[in-house]
N, C-alpha and C. Protein backbone atom coordinates (compact mmCIF):
# COMPACT_ATOMS: atom_id res chain seq x y z
N ARG A 1 -25.32 154.40 -103.34
CA ARG A 1 -24.38 153.71 -102.48
C ARG A 1 -23.25 153.06 -103.26
N LEU A 2 -23.43 152.91 -104.55
CA LEU A 2 -22.40 152.25 -105.35
C LEU A 2 -21.42 153.22 -106.01
N LYS A 3 -21.59 154.52 -105.79
CA LYS A 3 -20.70 155.47 -106.44
C LYS A 3 -19.27 155.40 -105.91
N HIS A 4 -19.08 154.75 -104.76
CA HIS A 4 -17.73 154.60 -104.20
C HIS A 4 -17.10 153.26 -104.55
N ALA A 5 -17.77 152.47 -105.39
CA ALA A 5 -17.20 151.18 -105.81
C ALA A 5 -15.97 151.42 -106.67
N VAL A 6 -15.02 150.52 -106.57
CA VAL A 6 -13.76 150.63 -107.29
C VAL A 6 -13.79 149.72 -108.52
N HIS A 7 -13.48 150.30 -109.67
CA HIS A 7 -13.47 149.54 -110.91
C HIS A 7 -12.23 148.65 -110.94
N GLU A 8 -12.45 147.35 -111.13
CA GLU A 8 -11.34 146.40 -111.16
C GLU A 8 -10.89 146.12 -112.59
N LYS A 9 -11.80 145.62 -113.41
CA LYS A 9 -11.54 145.40 -114.84
C LYS A 9 -12.86 145.10 -115.52
N ASP A 10 -12.90 145.34 -116.82
CA ASP A 10 -14.09 145.10 -117.65
C ASP A 10 -15.35 145.59 -116.94
N ASN A 11 -16.25 144.68 -116.59
CA ASN A 11 -17.49 145.05 -115.92
C ASN A 11 -17.50 144.60 -114.46
N ILE A 12 -16.34 144.50 -113.85
CA ILE A 12 -16.21 144.02 -112.47
C ILE A 12 -15.83 145.18 -111.56
N TRP A 13 -16.60 145.32 -110.50
CA TRP A 13 -16.39 146.39 -109.53
C TRP A 13 -16.28 145.79 -108.14
N ARG A 14 -15.55 146.45 -107.25
CA ARG A 14 -15.41 146.03 -105.85
C ARG A 14 -16.00 147.09 -104.94
N THR A 15 -16.70 146.64 -103.91
CA THR A 15 -17.27 147.56 -102.94
C THR A 15 -17.23 146.92 -101.56
N ASP A 16 -17.12 147.75 -100.54
CA ASP A 16 -17.13 147.23 -99.17
C ASP A 16 -18.47 147.50 -98.48
N LEU A 17 -19.46 147.98 -99.23
CA LEU A 17 -20.76 148.29 -98.64
C LEU A 17 -21.72 147.11 -98.65
N PHE A 18 -21.44 146.09 -99.44
CA PHE A 18 -22.32 144.94 -99.53
C PHE A 18 -21.53 143.67 -99.23
N GLY A 19 -22.17 142.70 -98.62
CA GLY A 19 -21.50 141.47 -98.25
C GLY A 19 -21.68 140.33 -99.24
N THR A 20 -22.52 140.56 -100.26
CA THR A 20 -22.76 139.50 -101.24
C THR A 20 -22.55 140.04 -102.65
N PRO A 21 -22.08 139.20 -103.55
CA PRO A 21 -21.91 139.63 -104.94
C PRO A 21 -23.27 139.71 -105.64
N PHE A 22 -23.36 140.59 -106.65
CA PHE A 22 -24.61 140.72 -107.40
C PHE A 22 -24.33 141.38 -108.73
N VAL A 23 -25.32 141.27 -109.62
CA VAL A 23 -25.28 141.89 -110.94
C VAL A 23 -26.29 143.02 -110.93
N LEU A 24 -25.89 144.17 -111.49
CA LEU A 24 -26.79 145.32 -111.55
C LEU A 24 -26.71 145.92 -112.94
N GLY A 25 -27.87 146.16 -113.53
CA GLY A 25 -27.94 146.78 -114.84
C GLY A 25 -28.62 145.88 -115.84
N PHE A 26 -29.29 146.52 -116.83
CA PHE A 26 -30.02 145.75 -117.82
C PHE A 26 -29.29 145.75 -119.17
N LEU A 27 -28.91 146.94 -119.64
CA LEU A 27 -28.24 147.03 -120.93
C LEU A 27 -26.75 146.75 -120.83
N HIS A 28 -26.13 147.29 -119.80
CA HIS A 28 -24.70 147.09 -119.56
C HIS A 28 -24.52 146.59 -118.12
N PRO A 29 -24.80 145.33 -117.88
CA PRO A 29 -24.73 144.82 -116.50
C PRO A 29 -23.31 144.84 -115.95
N LYS A 30 -23.22 145.16 -114.67
CA LYS A 30 -21.95 145.18 -113.96
C LYS A 30 -22.01 144.19 -112.81
N ILE A 31 -20.88 143.57 -112.54
CA ILE A 31 -20.76 142.63 -111.44
C ILE A 31 -20.11 143.36 -110.28
N TYR A 32 -20.76 143.35 -109.13
CA TYR A 32 -20.23 143.97 -107.92
C TYR A 32 -19.83 142.86 -106.95
N LEU A 33 -18.58 142.91 -106.53
CA LEU A 33 -18.05 141.91 -105.60
C LEU A 33 -17.70 142.58 -104.28
N PRO A 34 -17.87 141.87 -103.17
CA PRO A 34 -17.44 142.42 -101.88
C PRO A 34 -15.92 142.58 -101.85
N ALA A 35 -15.46 143.61 -101.19
CA ALA A 35 -14.02 143.88 -101.13
C ALA A 35 -13.29 142.81 -100.33
N ASN A 36 -13.96 142.18 -99.38
CA ASN A 36 -13.31 141.19 -98.52
C ASN A 36 -13.44 139.75 -99.04
N LEU A 37 -13.74 139.59 -100.31
CA LEU A 37 -13.90 138.26 -100.91
C LEU A 37 -12.53 137.59 -101.03
N SER A 38 -12.44 136.33 -100.62
CA SER A 38 -11.16 135.64 -100.66
C SER A 38 -10.75 135.35 -102.10
N PRO A 39 -9.46 135.42 -102.40
CA PRO A 39 -8.98 135.19 -103.78
C PRO A 39 -9.33 133.80 -104.31
N GLY A 40 -9.45 132.81 -103.44
CA GLY A 40 -9.80 131.47 -103.89
C GLY A 40 -11.24 131.35 -104.35
N ASP A 41 -12.13 132.17 -103.78
CA ASP A 41 -13.54 132.12 -104.14
C ASP A 41 -13.89 133.00 -105.34
N THR A 42 -13.06 133.96 -105.63
CA THR A 42 -13.37 134.95 -106.66
C THR A 42 -13.65 134.34 -108.03
N PRO A 43 -12.83 133.43 -108.56
CA PRO A 43 -13.13 132.89 -109.90
C PRO A 43 -14.47 132.16 -109.98
N HIS A 44 -14.82 131.44 -108.93
CA HIS A 44 -16.10 130.70 -108.93
C HIS A 44 -17.28 131.65 -108.87
N ILE A 45 -17.17 132.67 -108.06
CA ILE A 45 -18.26 133.64 -107.94
C ILE A 45 -18.39 134.45 -109.22
N LEU A 46 -17.27 134.82 -109.82
CA LEU A 46 -17.33 135.55 -111.09
C LEU A 46 -18.00 134.71 -112.18
N LEU A 47 -17.67 133.44 -112.25
CA LEU A 47 -18.30 132.55 -113.23
C LEU A 47 -19.81 132.48 -113.00
N HIS A 48 -20.21 132.36 -111.75
CA HIS A 48 -21.63 132.30 -111.40
C HIS A 48 -22.35 133.57 -111.85
N GLU A 49 -21.78 134.73 -111.55
CA GLU A 49 -22.41 135.99 -111.93
C GLU A 49 -22.41 136.19 -113.44
N GLN A 50 -21.37 135.74 -114.13
CA GLN A 50 -21.32 135.85 -115.59
C GLN A 50 -22.38 134.97 -116.24
N ILE A 51 -22.69 133.86 -115.63
CA ILE A 51 -23.76 133.00 -116.15
C ILE A 51 -25.11 133.71 -116.03
N HIS A 52 -25.32 134.45 -114.94
CA HIS A 52 -26.54 135.25 -114.81
C HIS A 52 -26.64 136.25 -115.96
N ILE A 53 -25.53 136.88 -116.30
CA ILE A 53 -25.53 137.85 -117.40
C ILE A 53 -25.79 137.15 -118.73
N ARG A 54 -25.15 136.02 -118.96
CA ARG A 54 -25.32 135.28 -120.22
C ARG A 54 -26.75 134.81 -120.41
N ARG A 55 -27.42 134.45 -119.32
CA ARG A 55 -28.81 133.99 -119.40
C ARG A 55 -29.81 135.14 -119.44
N HIS A 56 -29.32 136.38 -119.36
CA HIS A 56 -30.17 137.58 -119.37
C HIS A 56 -31.09 137.62 -118.15
N ASP A 57 -30.62 137.13 -117.03
CA ASP A 57 -31.44 137.11 -115.82
C ASP A 57 -31.89 138.50 -115.36
N PRO A 58 -31.06 139.56 -115.48
CA PRO A 58 -31.57 140.89 -115.09
C PRO A 58 -32.77 141.33 -115.93
N LEU A 59 -32.79 141.00 -117.22
CA LEU A 59 -33.93 141.35 -118.06
C LEU A 59 -35.17 140.54 -117.70
N TRP A 60 -34.98 139.26 -117.41
CA TRP A 60 -36.11 138.42 -116.99
C TRP A 60 -36.68 138.92 -115.67
N LYS A 61 -35.81 139.37 -114.79
CA LYS A 61 -36.28 139.90 -113.50
C LYS A 61 -37.08 141.18 -113.72
N LEU A 62 -36.61 142.05 -114.61
CA LEU A 62 -37.35 143.27 -114.93
C LEU A 62 -38.71 142.93 -115.51
N LEU A 63 -38.75 141.97 -116.42
CA LEU A 63 -40.02 141.55 -117.01
C LEU A 63 -40.97 141.00 -115.94
N ALA A 64 -40.44 140.21 -115.03
CA ALA A 64 -41.27 139.66 -113.95
C ALA A 64 -41.84 140.77 -113.06
N PHE A 65 -41.02 141.79 -112.76
CA PHE A 65 -41.51 142.91 -111.95
C PHE A 65 -42.58 143.71 -112.69
N CYS A 66 -42.41 143.87 -114.00
CA CYS A 66 -43.42 144.58 -114.79
C CYS A 66 -44.74 143.82 -114.80
N ILE A 67 -44.67 142.52 -114.96
CA ILE A 67 -45.89 141.69 -114.92
C ILE A 67 -46.54 141.77 -113.54
N LEU A 68 -45.73 141.75 -112.51
CA LEU A 68 -46.26 141.87 -111.15
C LEU A 68 -46.96 143.21 -110.96
N CYS A 69 -46.37 144.28 -111.47
CA CYS A 69 -46.99 145.61 -111.34
C CYS A 69 -48.31 145.69 -112.10
N MET A 70 -48.35 145.08 -113.29
CA MET A 70 -49.59 145.12 -114.08
C MET A 70 -50.71 144.33 -113.41
N HIS A 71 -50.37 143.26 -112.73
CA HIS A 71 -51.40 142.41 -112.15
C HIS A 71 -51.54 142.59 -110.65
N TRP A 72 -50.97 143.64 -110.11
CA TRP A 72 -51.02 143.86 -108.66
C TRP A 72 -52.45 143.98 -108.17
N PHE A 73 -53.26 144.72 -108.90
CA PHE A 73 -54.64 144.94 -108.47
C PHE A 73 -55.64 144.06 -109.21
N ASN A 74 -55.16 143.09 -109.95
CA ASN A 74 -56.04 142.22 -110.69
C ASN A 74 -56.76 141.27 -109.74
N PRO A 75 -58.09 141.31 -109.73
CA PRO A 75 -58.80 140.41 -108.82
C PRO A 75 -58.74 139.01 -109.31
């Protein structure tokens, strides 16, 4: 669904298929922003998403999912 996203600059992409901004990717994370995002909100949202990347939140999330999968059937 993201193959139609438009590259804006660096690791920032715009898409009209999602209504909320998010980060996707582990090694080379990309920030996806909604196309209808107001220009006044964009810098604040970009800063928020860049902080997720700086804190390595996508990697922590992957680690949490791996732990969940390993312990799914653990009594």
